[in-house]
Amino acid sequence: MAQVNLVKYNNLVGKSKNEVIQELGEGFNYYPDNYWFYDMKKSWWGKKTTLLLIFGKDRRVETMSIKTYFFLSSMIRI
């Protein structure tokens, strides 16, 4: 599943912040920040799948990855 999503969003690499906003919307991202998160999927029991975009100094997407985590595990360090 993650590989399918990586291929689907691979076209975002190299795009500017404005181009990403046009394609995915604003979300809850702080515009000047270099790390943007987009929630892709949420389950009723707290599991989230998130698209992480990392922007470089030229303000274009350098890296993207898909993270899956549980709500409680993101708040409590074990």
Protein backbone atom coordinates (compact mmCIF):
# COMPACT_ATOMS: atom_id res chain seq x y z
CA MET A 1 0.00 0.00 0.00
CA ALA A 2 2.75 2.46 0.89
CA GLN A 3 4.56 1.78 -2.39
CA VAL A 4 1.39 2.56 -4.37
CA ASN A 5 0.99 5.86 -2.52
CA LEU A 6 4.67 6.73 -3.04
CA VAL A 7 4.25 6.31 -6.78
CA LYS A 8 1.03 8.34 -6.67
CA TYR A 9 2.69 11.29 -4.92
CA ASN A 10 6.17 10.97 -6.47
CA ASN A 11 5.30 13.78 -8.90
CA LEU A 12 5.46 16.26 -5.98
CA VAL A 13 9.26 16.06 -5.79
CA GLY A 14 10.71 19.24 -7.26
CA LYS A 15 7.51 21.27 -6.98
CA SER A 16 7.27 24.61 -5.20
CA LYS A 17 5.05 25.27 -2.19
CA ASN A 18 2.48 27.05 -4.35
CA GLU A 19 2.32 24.09 -6.75
CA VAL A 20 1.83 21.69 -3.82
CA ILE A 21 -0.99 23.88 -2.46
CA GLN A 22 -2.69 23.85 -5.87
CA GLU A 23 -2.49 20.07 -6.02
CA LEU A 24 -3.19 19.03 -2.40
CA GLY A 25 -4.68 22.13 -0.76
CA GLU A 26 -3.37 24.07 2.21
CA GLY A 27 -4.04 21.53 4.92
CA PHE A 28 -2.87 22.60 8.38
CA ASN A 29 0.63 23.62 7.34
CA TYR A 30 2.55 26.73 8.36
CA TYR A 31 3.66 28.23 5.03
CA PRO A 32 7.27 29.22 6.01
CA ASP A 33 7.96 25.80 7.58
CA ASN A 34 10.08 23.30 5.64
CA TYR A 35 8.11 20.27 6.90
CA TRP A 36 4.54 19.85 5.66
CA PHE A 37 2.18 17.05 6.67
CA TYR A 38 -0.96 15.89 4.91
CA ASP A 39 -3.29 13.36 6.55
CA MET A 40 -4.09 10.70 3.99
CA LYS A 41 -6.06 8.20 6.05
CA LYS A 42 -7.41 7.91 9.59
CA SER A 43 -8.98 4.92 11.26
CA TRP A 44 -11.49 5.00 14.09
CA TRP A 45 -8.96 3.48 16.52
CA GLY A 46 -6.24 6.08 16.10
CA LYS A 47 -4.09 4.82 13.25
CA LYS A 48 -3.01 7.62 10.88
CA THR A 49 -1.26 7.58 7.53
CA THR A 50 0.47 10.86 6.74
CA LEU A 51 2.32 12.25 3.74
CA LEU A 52 5.46 14.14 4.82
CA LEU A 53 6.98 16.68 2.43
CA ILE A 54 10.39 18.19 3.18
CA PHE A 55 11.34 21.38 1.37
CA GLY A 56 14.93 22.39 0.61
CA LYS A 57 16.61 25.78 0.59
CA ASP A 58 15.25 26.47 -2.90
CA ARG A 59 11.71 26.04 -1.45
CA ARG A 60 11.00 22.98 -3.56
CA VAL A 61 10.12 19.48 -2.36
CA GLU A 62 13.36 17.55 -1.81
CA THR A 63 12.03 14.49 -0.02
CA MET A 64 8.67 12.91 0.53
CA SER A 65 7.69 9.91 2.59
CA ILE A 66 4.61 8.23 3.97
CA LYS A 67 4.42 7.62 7.72
CA THR A 68 1.95 5.43 9.58
CA TYR A 69 1.56 5.78 13.32
CA PHE A 70 -0.91 5.38 16.15
CA PHE A 71 -2.25 8.41 17.99
CA LEU A 72 -1.07 7.37 21.46
CA SER A 73 2.35 6.21 20.30
CA SER A 74 3.01 9.64 18.83
CA MET A 75 2.29 11.33 22.16
CA ILE A 76 3.82 8.87 24.63
CA ARG A 77 7.47 7.83 24.37
CA ILE A 78 7.99 4.15 25.18
